């Protein structure tokens, strides 16, 4: 069994882990500083990898949100970074620095791969993953391999249209799942109703106190997530859907959405699709990133 490094680059933090099989031997986290210069962010990424580096590793796998050119290891664009972090040759930069094979992939696909190999979906062959956080990411796995489509962009489940002419998503298009079923959505929907820009934690607290506007936000998000889950079920007919990200732990949102999604399924058989919450949590993306080279 070989050692690998897995890296998960998020909007606020970079996680890096030294990994042997399904075990994370050493793990660190540091700030991303996404709003700073490209050079500063790259320095943070390199520093995070260096902290868990071992000469025994066979390679480095990296997950990052956004559009990735997997073959070139290029970060074409990412919603978490500014315009100065586009067409970044991340694979080449990391390989040059550490002299190890490197792979770069979308972070939600890494999450889904981690769950497919080591997590809730390890006993299944046809898997969909959905990450519910600041945005909504997705991934599709068939026989333990990421399904990427013609241009390597398959699995953008957060960018399915669920409401024609709806709110504008981070990608610039309207009515996507991401803008109705994410942390960002919670903030925007509440602001739309009240004129107040509050964070997601505030809105959740208001919901628990039965605030009428927060309840309306919840109803909108439950309906949106249920529609998104039903679309995944109806179109892909996966054996299992694994949910991850911070919002996947919000039972008052997730449980009614799953229940409603089953009602929206096109056929009775589809309504039986298994929908589960990740047990690997944030480690799924790290393990999946390492598995980019290990599988």
Protein backbone atom coordinates (compact mmCIF):
# COMPACT_ATOMS: atom_id res chain seq x y z
CA UNK A 1 0.00 0.00 0.00
CA UNK A 2 1.33 3.44 -1.00
CA UNK A 3 1.29 6.84 0.68
CA UNK A 4 -0.37 9.80 -1.05
CA UNK A 5 -1.17 13.38 -0.16
CA UNK A 6 -4.72 14.62 -0.54
CA UNK A 7 -5.50 18.34 -0.66
CA UNK A 8 -8.89 20.06 -0.44
CA UNK A 9 -8.78 23.75 -1.37
CA UNK A 10 -11.81 25.66 -0.18
CA UNK A 11 -12.86 29.31 -0.07
CA UNK A 12 -11.67 29.81 3.51
CA UNK A 13 -9.29 26.95 4.27
CA UNK A 14 -6.90 24.48 2.70
CA UNK A 15 -6.84 20.98 4.18
CA UNK A 16 -3.97 18.61 3.42
CA UNK A 17 -3.49 15.06 4.59
CA UNK A 18 -0.87 12.32 4.39
CA UNK A 19 -2.90 9.27 3.46
CA UNK A 20 -2.32 5.53 3.50
CA UNK A 21 -5.30 3.63 2.08
CA UNK A 22 -8.36 4.87 3.98
CA UNK A 23 -6.33 6.27 6.87
CA UNK A 24 -5.31 9.91 7.24
CA UNK A 25 -1.94 9.68 9.01
CA UNK A 26 -1.47 13.42 9.40
CA UNK A 27 -3.81 16.28 8.63
CA UNK A 28 -3.41 20.05 8.77
CA UNK A 29 -5.53 23.06 7.87
CA UNK A 30 -4.50 26.59 7.00
CA UNK A 31 -6.20 29.70 5.64
CA UNK A 32 -6.70 29.98 1.90
CA UNK A 33 -6.63 33.81 1.79
CA UNK A 34 -8.64 33.53 -1.42
CA UNK A 35 -8.97 37.29 -1.86
CA UNK A 36 -5.21 37.82 -1.95
CA UNK A 37 -2.92 37.49 -4.96
CA UNK A 38 -2.49 34.30 -6.96
CA UNK A 39 1.10 34.02 -5.76
CA UNK A 40 -0.02 34.31 -2.12
CA UNK A 41 -2.69 31.60 -2.52
CA UNK A 42 -0.25 29.28 -4.30
CA UNK A 43 2.25 29.86 -1.49
CA UNK A 44 -0.41 28.77 1.02
CA UNK A 45 -1.17 25.62 -0.99
CA UNK A 46 2.52 24.69 -1.26
CA UNK A 47 3.04 25.38 2.44
CA UNK A 48 0.08 23.15 3.39
CA UNK A 49 1.42 20.28 1.29
CA UNK A 50 4.91 20.74 2.72
CA UNK A 51 3.56 20.36 6.27
CA UNK A 52 2.33 16.81 5.59
CA UNK A 53 4.93 15.87 2.99
CA UNK A 54 6.85 12.63 3.19
CA UNK A 55 9.44 11.40 0.66
CA UNK A 56 7.54 8.07 0.73
CA UNK A 57 4.53 9.47 -1.14
CA UNK A 58 3.69 8.28 -4.65
CA UNK A 59 1.75 11.39 -5.61
CA UNK A 60 -0.40 14.39 -4.71
CA UNK A 61 -4.12 14.69 -5.45
CA UNK A 62 -5.84 18.08 -5.28
CA UNK A 63 -9.54 18.97 -5.15
CA UNK A 64 -10.69 22.53 -5.80
CA UNK A 65 -14.07 24.06 -6.61
CA UNK A 66 -14.72 25.23 -10.14
CA UNK A 67 -14.00 24.32 -13.74
CA UNK A 68 -10.98 22.05 -14.01
CA UNK A 69 -9.13 20.86 -17.08
CA UNK A 70 -8.15 17.49 -15.64
CA UNK A 71 -5.75 16.46 -18.42
CA UNK A 72 -3.70 19.64 -18.11
CA UNK A 73 -4.24 20.01 -14.37
CA UNK A 74 -5.50 23.50 -15.06
CA UNK A 75 -7.82 25.51 -12.79
CA UNK A 76 -9.79 27.27 -15.54
CA UNK A 77 -11.90 29.24 -13.06
CA UNK A 78 -13.18 28.91 -9.52
CA UNK A 79 -16.09 30.67 -7.76
CA UNK A 80 -13.95 30.91 -4.62
CA UNK A 81 -11.23 33.03 -6.20
CA UNK A 82 -10.92 36.29 -8.11
CA UNK A 83 -10.17 36.83 -11.78
CA UNK A 84 -6.45 36.63 -11.07
CA UNK A 85 -6.84 32.92 -10.27
CA UNK A 86 -7.84 31.72 -13.74
CA UNK A 87 -6.08 29.27 -16.05
CA UNK A 88 -3.71 28.41 -13.23
CA UNK A 89 -1.37 25.53 -14.10
CA UNK A 90 -1.72 23.99 -10.66
CA UNK A 91 -0.58 20.50 -11.62
CA UNK A 92 2.60 21.80 -13.23
CA UNK A 93 3.35 24.14 -10.31
CA UNK A 94 2.96 21.42 -7.66
CA UNK A 95 4.86 18.79 -9.68
CA UNK A 96 7.71 21.23 -10.19
CA UNK A 97 7.81 22.04 -6.48
CA UNK A 98 7.61 18.50 -5.06
CA UNK A 99 8.80 16.30 -7.97
CA UNK A 100 5.81 13.97 -7.51
CA UNK A 101 2.95 12.93 -9.81
CA UNK A 102 0.04 15.32 -9.30
CA UNK A 103 -3.65 15.24 -10.25
CA UNK A 104 -6.18 18.08 -10.01
CA UNK A 105 -9.96 17.60 -9.98
CA UNK A 106 -13.15 19.38 -8.95
CA UNK A 107 -13.61 19.13 -5.18
CA UNK A 108 -17.16 17.75 -5.26
CA UNK A 109 -16.03 14.97 -7.59
CA UNK A 110 -13.24 14.21 -5.10
CA UNK A 111 -15.87 14.07 -2.34
CA UNK A 112 -17.98 11.63 -4.35
CA UNK A 113 -14.97 9.45 -5.21
CA UNK A 114 -13.96 9.34 -1.54
CA UNK A 115 -17.44 8.22 -0.56
CA UNK A 116 -17.51 5.68 -3.39
CA UNK A 117 -14.25 4.03 -2.34
CA UNK A 118 -14.15 4.46 1.44
CA UNK A 119 -17.47 5.85 2.62
CA UNK A 120 -21.24 5.40 2.52
CA UNK A 121 -21.23 4.24 -1.10
CA UNK A 122 -18.34 1.76 -1.04
CA UNK A 123 -20.66 -1.18 -1.72
CA UNK A 124 -22.33 0.45 -4.72
CA UNK A 125 -21.35 0.90 -8.36
CA UNK A 126 -23.56 3.79 -9.56
CA UNK A 127 -23.28 6.78 -7.25
CA UNK A 128 -24.21 10.45 -7.20
CA UNK A 129 -22.71 12.89 -4.72
CA UNK A 130 -24.08 16.30 -3.78
CA UNK A 131 -22.20 18.78 -1.58
CA UNK A 132 -24.33 21.42 0.11
CA UNK A 133 -22.23 24.26 1.45
CA UNK A 134 -21.57 27.84 0.38
CA UNK A 135 -22.48 26.53 -3.08
CA UNK A 136 -23.72 23.19 -4.39
CA UNK A 137 -21.30 20.75 -6.03
CA UNK A 138 -21.82 17.34 -7.53
CA UNK A 139 -20.18 14.22 -8.85
CA UNK A 140 -21.08 10.98 -10.60
CA UNK A 141 -19.22 7.70 -10.09
CA UNK A 142 -19.61 4.54 -12.16
CA UNK A 143 -17.67 1.43 -11.11
CA UNK A 144 -15.38 3.48 -8.82
CA UNK A 145 -14.44 5.86 -11.65
CA UNK A 146 -15.49 9.50 -12.01
CA UNK A 147 -17.85 10.02 -14.92
CA UNK A 148 -16.56 13.19 -16.56
CA UNK A 149 -18.43 13.45 -19.88
CA UNK A 150 -17.01 14.70 -23.18
CA UNK A 151 -15.32 17.84 -21.85
CA UNK A 152 -14.65 16.66 -18.31
CA UNK A 153 -17.47 18.78 -16.92
CA UNK A 154 -20.15 16.19 -16.19
CA UNK A 155 -21.61 16.14 -12.70
CA UNK A 156 -22.28 19.88 -12.26
CA UNK A 157 -25.44 18.99 -10.35
CA UNK A 158 -25.57 22.34 -8.58
CA UNK A 159 -26.06 24.02 -11.93
CA UNK A 160 -29.21 22.20 -13.01
CA UNK A 161 -32.03 24.65 -13.65
CA UNK A 162 -34.90 24.17 -11.21
CA UNK A 163 -36.67 27.51 -11.66
CA UNK A 164 -36.82 29.22 -15.05
CA UNK A 165 -35.98 32.91 -14.77
CA UNK A 166 -35.12 32.55 -11.09
CA UNK A 167 -32.36 34.14 -9.01
CA UNK A 168 -28.92 34.56 -10.57
CA UNK A 169 -26.40 31.84 -9.70
CA UNK A 170 -22.66 32.35 -9.13
CA UNK A 171 -22.09 31.14 -12.71
CA UNK A 172 -24.25 33.97 -14.10
CA UNK A 173 -27.18 31.78 -15.15
CA UNK A 174 -30.60 31.94 -13.53
CA UNK A 175 -32.63 29.49 -11.46
CA UNK A 176 -29.95 26.93 -10.64
CA UNK A 177 -30.14 24.54 -7.69
CA UNK A 178 -27.12 26.24 -6.12
CA UNK A 179 -28.89 29.57 -5.68
CA UNK A 180 -31.85 27.91 -3.94
CA UNK A 181 -30.24 25.17 -1.82
CA UNK A 182 -26.95 26.47 -0.42
CA UNK A 183 -25.62 28.64 2.38
CA UNK A 184 -25.49 31.51 -0.09
CA UNK A 185 -29.12 30.82 -1.01
CA UNK A 186 -30.18 30.98 2.62
CA UNK A 187 -28.62 34.42 2.99
CA UNK A 188 -30.03 35.76 -0.29
CA UNK A 189 -33.54 34.43 0.22
CA UNK A 190 -33.72 35.91 3.72
CA UNK A 191 -32.39 39.24 2.48
CA UNK A 192 -34.98 39.23 -0.30
CA UNK A 193 -37.77 38.87 2.26
CA UNK A 194 -36.48 41.17 5.00
CA UNK A 195 -33.94 43.53 3.45
CA UNK A 196 -31.43 42.29 6.05
CA UNK A 197 -28.19 40.60 5.05
CA UNK A 198 -27.52 38.02 7.76
CA UNK A 199 -25.36 34.89 7.72
CA UNK A 200 -26.75 31.37 7.42
CA UNK A 201 -26.32 30.65 11.14
CA UNK A 202 -28.52 33.64 11.99
CA UNK A 203 -31.23 32.51 9.57
CA UNK A 204 -31.18 28.97 10.99
CA UNK A 205 -31.57 30.35 14.53
CA UNK A 206 -34.53 32.45 13.38
CA UNK A 207 -36.08 29.37 11.81
CA UNK A 208 -35.73 27.43 15.05
CA UNK A 209 -37.50 30.34 16.78
CA UNK A 210 -40.32 30.00 14.22
CA UNK A 211 -39.68 33.34 12.53
CA UNK A 212 -42.13 33.56 9.62
CA UNK A 213 -39.57 34.85 7.11
CA UNK A 214 -37.03 32.17 8.04
CA UNK A 215 -39.78 29.56 7.68
CA UNK A 216 -40.47 30.85 4.13
CA UNK A 217 -36.75 30.53 3.35
CA UNK A 218 -36.81 26.94 4.63
CA UNK A 219 -39.87 26.08 2.54
CA UNK A 220 -38.21 27.45 -0.60
CA UNK A 221 -34.99 25.57 0.08
CA UNK A 222 -36.73 22.28 0.89
CA UNK A 223 -38.74 22.48 -2.34
CA UNK A 224 -35.61 23.33 -4.36
CA UNK A 225 -33.46 20.57 -2.88
CA UNK A 226 -36.26 18.03 -3.27
CA UNK A 227 -36.61 19.00 -6.93
CA UNK A 228 -32.86 18.69 -7.44
CA UNK A 229 -32.72 15.27 -5.78
CA UNK A 230 -35.72 14.07 -7.80
CA UNK A 231 -34.04 15.25 -11.01
CA UNK A 232 -30.89 13.31 -10.14
CA UNK A 233 -32.96 10.22 -9.38
CA UNK A 234 -35.10 10.48 -12.52
CA UNK A 235 -32.24 11.23 -14.92
CA UNK A 236 -29.39 9.07 -13.60
CA UNK A 237 -31.18 6.35 -11.61
CA UNK A 238 -28.20 5.94 -9.23
CA UNK A 239 -28.08 3.20 -6.64
CA UNK A 240 -27.28 5.77 -3.96
CA UNK A 241 -26.95 9.54 -3.45
CA UNK A 242 -24.52 10.75 -0.80
CA UNK A 243 -24.99 14.22 0.65
CA UNK A 244 -22.11 16.21 2.13
CA UNK A 245 -21.23 19.75 3.14
CA UNK A 246 -22.36 21.80 6.12
CA UNK A 247 -26.03 21.95 5.16
CA UNK A 248 -26.25 18.16 4.95
CA UNK A 249 -26.16 18.18 8.78
CA UNK A 250 -29.22 20.44 9.05
CA UNK A 251 -31.90 17.80 9.65
CA UNK A 252 -34.78 20.29 9.54
CA UNK A 253 -33.81 20.99 5.92
CA UNK A 254 -32.53 17.63 4.71
CA UNK A 255 -35.14 15.23 6.09
CA UNK A 256 -38.21 16.95 4.58
CA UNK A 257 -36.34 17.47 1.29
CA UNK A 258 -35.56 13.74 1.01
CA UNK A 259 -39.15 12.86 1.86
CA UNK A 260 -40.50 15.27 -0.77
CA UNK A 261 -37.95 14.11 -3.37
CA UNK A 262 -39.32 10.57 -3.10
CA UNK A 263 -42.79 11.90 -3.88
CA UNK A 264 -41.41 13.71 -6.92
CA UNK A 265 -39.75 10.58 -8.35
CA UNK A 266 -41.24 9.59 -11.71
CA UNK A 267 -41.82 5.92 -10.84
CA UNK A 268 -42.36 3.98 -7.61
CA UNK A 269 -39.09 2.08 -8.09
CA UNK A 270 -37.15 5.35 -8.35
CA UNK A 271 -38.64 6.61 -5.09
CA UNK A 272 -36.75 3.84 -3.31
CA UNK A 273 -33.33 5.29 -4.23
CA UNK A 274 -31.04 5.34 -1.20
CA UNK A 275 -30.17 8.87 -0.02
CA UNK A 276 -27.65 9.11 2.83
CA UNK A 277 -25.48 11.63 4.67
CA UNK A 278 -21.70 11.36 4.49
CA UNK A 279 -19.98 9.86 7.51
CA UNK A 280 -16.52 10.84 6.26
CA UNK A 281 -17.57 14.51 6.31
CA UNK A 282 -14.72 16.80 5.23
CA UNK A 283 -12.30 13.85 5.01
CA UNK A 284 -14.19 12.48 1.99
CA UNK A 285 -12.70 15.08 -0.34
CA UNK A 286 -9.16 14.49 1.01
CA UNK A 287 -9.44 10.72 0.56
CA UNK A 288 -11.00 11.17 -2.87
CA UNK A 289 -8.26 13.56 -3.96
CA UNK A 290 -5.60 11.03 -2.94
CA UNK A 291 -7.54 8.32 -4.76
CA UNK A 292 -7.26 10.24 -8.04
CA UNK A 293 -3.77 8.74 -8.31
CA UNK A 294 -4.29 5.58 -6.30
CA UNK A 295 -7.10 4.15 -8.49
